[in-house]
C-alpha cells in the first residue's frame, strides 16, 4: 500500500462486464517512481492524494463482487503530516 496522486483517467471501450460503471484512474506514486491504473472504490478525482492498495487485497474493496484488479484506490487523504 502507498500514497499516490491521481493524474488522469483511463477510458476503455471494451472491458470485463464486472468493470462496467467503475472508474479507472491513473495514479502516480508520491514517493518513488511509477504509475498504476487503479479502480476507484471511493470517488476520487483528479489531483487528489489517495491511498492505493495493491495485490490480491485490492479486490477486497469490492466484496462481495469479484473484481479483476491489481490496484484499488481505497481512501482519499485529507492531510499528510511529516
N, C-alpha and C. Protein backbone atom coordinates (compact mmCIF):
# COMPACT_ATOMS: atom_id res chain seq x y z
N UNK A 1 0.84 -1.16 0.00
CA UNK A 1 0.00 0.00 0.00
C UNK A 1 0.90 1.23 0.00
N UNK A 2 0.41 2.30 -0.64
CA UNK A 2 1.20 3.52 -0.71
C UNK A 2 0.31 4.72 -1.01
N UNK A 3 0.90 5.91 -0.84
CA UNK A 3 0.22 7.15 -1.19
C UNK A 3 0.52 7.48 -2.64
N UNK A 4 -0.49 7.98 -3.33
CA UNK A 4 -0.31 8.38 -4.71
C UNK A 4 -1.16 9.60 -5.02
N UNK A 5 -0.98 10.13 -6.22
CA UNK A 5 -1.77 11.28 -6.66
C UNK A 5 -2.43 10.93 -7.98
N UNK A 6 -3.73 11.20 -8.07
CA UNK A 6 -4.47 10.92 -9.29
C UNK A 6 -4.02 11.90 -10.36
N UNK A 7 -3.53 11.37 -11.50
CA UNK A 7 -3.03 12.23 -12.57
C UNK A 7 -3.84 12.11 -13.86
N UNK A 8 -4.83 11.22 -13.88
CA UNK A 8 -5.64 11.10 -15.09
C UNK A 8 -6.65 9.98 -15.00
N UNK A 9 -7.40 9.82 -16.09
CA UNK A 9 -8.41 8.77 -16.20
C UNK A 9 -8.06 7.84 -17.35
N UNK A 10 -8.57 6.63 -17.28
CA UNK A 10 -8.41 5.65 -18.35
C UNK A 10 -9.80 5.36 -18.89
N UNK A 11 -9.97 5.48 -20.20
CA UNK A 11 -11.26 5.21 -20.84
C UNK A 11 -11.11 3.97 -21.70
N UNK A 12 -11.99 2.99 -21.51
CA UNK A 12 -11.94 1.74 -22.25
C UNK A 12 -13.26 1.52 -22.97
N UNK A 13 -13.19 1.18 -24.25
CA UNK A 13 -14.42 0.90 -24.98
C UNK A 13 -14.86 -0.56 -24.79
N UNK A 14 -13.92 -1.45 -24.49
CA UNK A 14 -14.21 -2.87 -24.24
C UNK A 14 -13.56 -3.24 -22.91
N UNK A 15 -14.38 -3.80 -22.00
CA UNK A 15 -13.83 -4.24 -20.72
C UNK A 15 -14.68 -5.36 -20.13
N UNK A 16 -14.15 -6.01 -19.13
CA UNK A 16 -14.85 -7.06 -18.42
C UNK A 16 -16.17 -6.53 -17.88
N UNK A 17 -17.22 -7.33 -17.94
CA UNK A 17 -18.54 -6.91 -17.50
C UNK A 17 -18.56 -6.40 -16.06
N UNK A 18 -17.75 -6.98 -15.21
CA UNK A 18 -17.70 -6.58 -13.80
C UNK A 18 -17.17 -5.15 -13.64
N UNK A 19 -16.42 -4.67 -14.62
CA UNK A 19 -15.85 -3.33 -14.55
C UNK A 19 -16.78 -2.25 -15.08
N UNK A 20 -17.92 -2.64 -15.64
CA UNK A 20 -18.88 -1.66 -16.15
C UNK A 20 -19.30 -0.69 -15.04
N UNK A 21 -19.24 0.59 -15.33
CA UNK A 21 -19.65 1.60 -14.35
C UNK A 21 -18.59 1.94 -13.32
N UNK A 22 -17.43 1.32 -13.39
CA UNK A 22 -16.35 1.60 -12.44
C UNK A 22 -15.32 2.53 -13.10
N UNK A 23 -14.81 3.46 -12.29
CA UNK A 23 -13.85 4.44 -12.77
C UNK A 23 -12.43 3.88 -12.68
N UNK A 24 -11.69 3.99 -13.77
CA UNK A 24 -10.28 3.60 -13.80
C UNK A 24 -9.44 4.88 -13.81
N UNK A 25 -8.54 5.00 -12.83
CA UNK A 25 -7.74 6.21 -12.70
C UNK A 25 -6.25 5.90 -12.77
N UNK A 26 -5.49 6.86 -13.32
CA UNK A 26 -4.03 6.77 -13.33
C UNK A 26 -3.52 7.39 -12.04
N UNK A 27 -2.70 6.65 -11.32
CA UNK A 27 -2.17 7.13 -10.04
C UNK A 27 -0.65 7.07 -10.06
N UNK A 28 -0.03 8.22 -9.73
CA UNK A 28 1.44 8.31 -9.66
C UNK A 28 1.84 8.22 -8.19
N UNK A 29 2.86 7.41 -7.91
CA UNK A 29 3.37 7.29 -6.54
C UNK A 29 3.86 8.65 -6.04
N UNK A 30 3.60 8.95 -4.76
CA UNK A 30 4.08 10.20 -4.16
C UNK A 30 5.57 10.11 -3.86
N UNK A 31 6.03 8.95 -3.42
CA UNK A 31 7.45 8.74 -3.14
C UNK A 31 7.94 7.66 -4.09
N UNK A 32 8.92 7.97 -4.87
CA UNK A 32 9.43 6.99 -5.83
C UNK A 32 8.83 7.22 -7.21
N UNK A 33 9.03 6.25 -8.05
CA UNK A 33 8.57 6.36 -9.43
C UNK A 33 7.51 5.31 -9.71
N UNK A 34 6.75 5.55 -10.74
CA UNK A 34 5.78 4.58 -11.17
C UNK A 34 4.38 5.13 -11.26
N UNK A 35 3.65 4.62 -12.24
CA UNK A 35 2.25 4.97 -12.45
C UNK A 35 1.48 3.68 -12.57
N UNK A 36 0.30 3.63 -11.97
CA UNK A 36 -0.52 2.44 -12.00
C UNK A 36 -1.96 2.83 -12.37
N UNK A 37 -2.66 1.91 -13.02
CA UNK A 37 -4.09 2.07 -13.27
C UNK A 37 -4.80 1.39 -12.11
N UNK A 38 -5.63 2.16 -11.40
CA UNK A 38 -6.33 1.63 -10.23
C UNK A 38 -7.83 1.83 -10.38
N UNK A 39 -8.60 0.89 -9.87
CA UNK A 39 -10.05 1.03 -9.85
C UNK A 39 -10.41 1.86 -8.62
N UNK A 40 -11.25 2.86 -8.84
CA UNK A 40 -11.65 3.77 -7.77
C UNK A 40 -12.79 3.18 -6.95
N UNK A 41 -12.56 3.01 -5.65
CA UNK A 41 -13.59 2.47 -4.76
C UNK A 41 -14.22 3.54 -3.88
N UNK A 42 -13.70 4.80 -3.97
CA UNK A 42 -14.15 5.83 -3.03
C UNK A 42 -14.59 7.14 -3.67
N UNK A 43 -14.53 7.28 -4.96
CA UNK A 43 -14.96 8.52 -5.62
C UNK A 43 -13.89 9.58 -5.72
N UNK A 44 -12.65 9.18 -5.91
CA UNK A 44 -11.54 10.11 -6.03
C UNK A 44 -11.58 10.87 -7.36
N UNK A 45 -10.91 12.02 -7.39
CA UNK A 45 -10.87 12.83 -8.60
C UNK A 45 -9.46 13.30 -8.92
N UNK A 46 -9.34 14.01 -10.01
CA UNK A 46 -8.04 14.48 -10.50
C UNK A 46 -7.34 15.34 -9.45
N UNK A 47 -6.04 15.08 -9.27
CA UNK A 47 -5.21 15.86 -8.37
C UNK A 47 -5.26 15.44 -6.91
N UNK A 48 -6.19 14.58 -6.54
CA UNK A 48 -6.31 14.19 -5.13
C UNK A 48 -5.22 13.20 -4.72
N UNK A 49 -4.82 13.31 -3.45
CA UNK A 49 -3.89 12.35 -2.88
C UNK A 49 -4.73 11.18 -2.36
N UNK A 50 -4.33 9.97 -2.73
CA UNK A 50 -5.12 8.79 -2.41
C UNK A 50 -4.23 7.69 -1.82
N UNK A 51 -4.89 6.73 -1.18
CA UNK A 51 -4.22 5.57 -0.62
C UNK A 51 -4.53 4.40 -1.55
N UNK A 52 -3.49 3.78 -2.07
CA UNK A 52 -3.63 2.71 -3.06
C UNK A 52 -3.28 1.37 -2.43
N UNK A 53 -4.14 0.40 -2.62
CA UNK A 53 -3.91 -0.97 -2.16
C UNK A 53 -3.56 -1.80 -3.38
N UNK A 54 -2.51 -2.60 -3.30
CA UNK A 54 -2.08 -3.40 -4.44
C UNK A 54 -2.14 -4.88 -4.11
N UNK A 55 -2.14 -5.68 -5.16
CA UNK A 55 -2.12 -7.12 -5.00
C UNK A 55 -3.52 -7.70 -4.83
N UNK A 56 -3.56 -8.91 -4.35
CA UNK A 56 -4.83 -9.62 -4.20
C UNK A 56 -5.82 -8.86 -3.30
N UNK A 57 -5.29 -8.18 -2.29
CA UNK A 57 -6.13 -7.44 -1.33
C UNK A 57 -6.88 -6.29 -1.99
N UNK A 58 -6.43 -5.82 -3.14
CA UNK A 58 -7.09 -4.72 -3.83
C UNK A 58 -8.54 -5.06 -4.17
N UNK A 59 -8.82 -6.30 -4.46
CA UNK A 59 -10.18 -6.72 -4.82
C UNK A 59 -11.11 -6.75 -3.61
N UNK A 60 -10.56 -6.76 -2.38
CA UNK A 60 -11.39 -6.82 -1.18
C UNK A 60 -12.27 -5.59 -1.03
N UNK A 61 -11.89 -4.46 -1.61
CA UNK A 61 -12.67 -3.23 -1.51
C UNK A 61 -14.02 -3.34 -2.21
N UNK A 62 -14.18 -4.36 -3.06
CA UNK A 62 -15.39 -4.50 -3.86
C UNK A 62 -16.22 -5.73 -3.47
N UNK A 63 -15.88 -6.37 -2.37
CA UNK A 63 -16.61 -7.57 -1.93
C UNK A 63 -18.07 -7.23 -1.72
N UNK A 64 -19.02 -8.08 -2.01
CA UNK A 64 -18.88 -9.49 -2.30
C UNK A 64 -18.60 -9.79 -3.78
N UNK A 65 -18.57 -8.75 -4.64
CA UNK A 65 -18.26 -8.99 -6.05
C UNK A 65 -16.79 -9.38 -6.20
N UNK A 66 -16.49 -10.15 -7.23
CA UNK A 66 -15.11 -10.47 -7.55
C UNK A 66 -14.70 -9.58 -8.71
N UNK A 67 -13.89 -8.58 -8.41
CA UNK A 67 -13.43 -7.62 -9.41
C UNK A 67 -12.00 -7.95 -9.79
N UNK A 68 -11.72 -8.10 -11.10
CA UNK A 68 -10.36 -8.41 -11.53
C UNK A 68 -9.48 -7.17 -11.49
N UNK A 69 -8.76 -7.00 -10.40
CA UNK A 69 -7.89 -5.83 -10.27
C UNK A 69 -6.61 -6.17 -9.53
N UNK A 70 -5.60 -5.37 -9.78
CA UNK A 70 -4.31 -5.50 -9.11
C UNK A 70 -4.05 -4.27 -8.26
N UNK A 71 -4.87 -3.21 -8.46
CA UNK A 71 -4.72 -1.98 -7.70
C UNK A 71 -6.08 -1.32 -7.50
N UNK A 72 -6.32 -0.82 -6.28
CA UNK A 72 -7.57 -0.14 -5.98
C UNK A 72 -7.30 1.08 -5.12
N UNK A 73 -8.04 2.15 -5.38
CA UNK A 73 -7.98 3.34 -4.54
C UNK A 73 -8.98 3.10 -3.41
N UNK A 74 -8.47 3.07 -2.16
CA UNK A 74 -9.32 2.72 -1.02
C UNK A 74 -9.54 3.88 -0.06
N UNK A 75 -8.89 5.03 -0.27
CA UNK A 75 -9.09 6.18 0.60
C UNK A 75 -8.63 7.46 -0.09
N UNK A 76 -9.30 8.56 0.25
CA UNK A 76 -8.87 9.90 -0.17
C UNK A 76 -8.23 10.54 1.05
N UNK A 77 -7.01 11.03 0.90
CA UNK A 77 -6.23 11.57 2.01
C UNK A 77 -6.55 13.06 2.19
N UNK A 78 -6.91 13.44 3.42
CA UNK A 78 -7.19 14.85 3.72
C UNK A 78 -5.92 15.63 3.99
N UNK A 79 -4.97 15.03 4.69
CA UNK A 79 -3.74 15.74 5.05
C UNK A 79 -2.62 14.73 5.29
N UNK A 80 -1.39 15.18 5.03
CA UNK A 80 -0.21 14.37 5.31
C UNK A 80 0.71 15.21 6.18
N UNK A 81 1.09 14.68 7.34
CA UNK A 81 1.99 15.37 8.24
C UNK A 81 3.30 14.60 8.31
N UNK A 82 4.41 15.32 8.26
CA UNK A 82 5.71 14.66 8.35
C UNK A 82 6.47 15.10 9.57
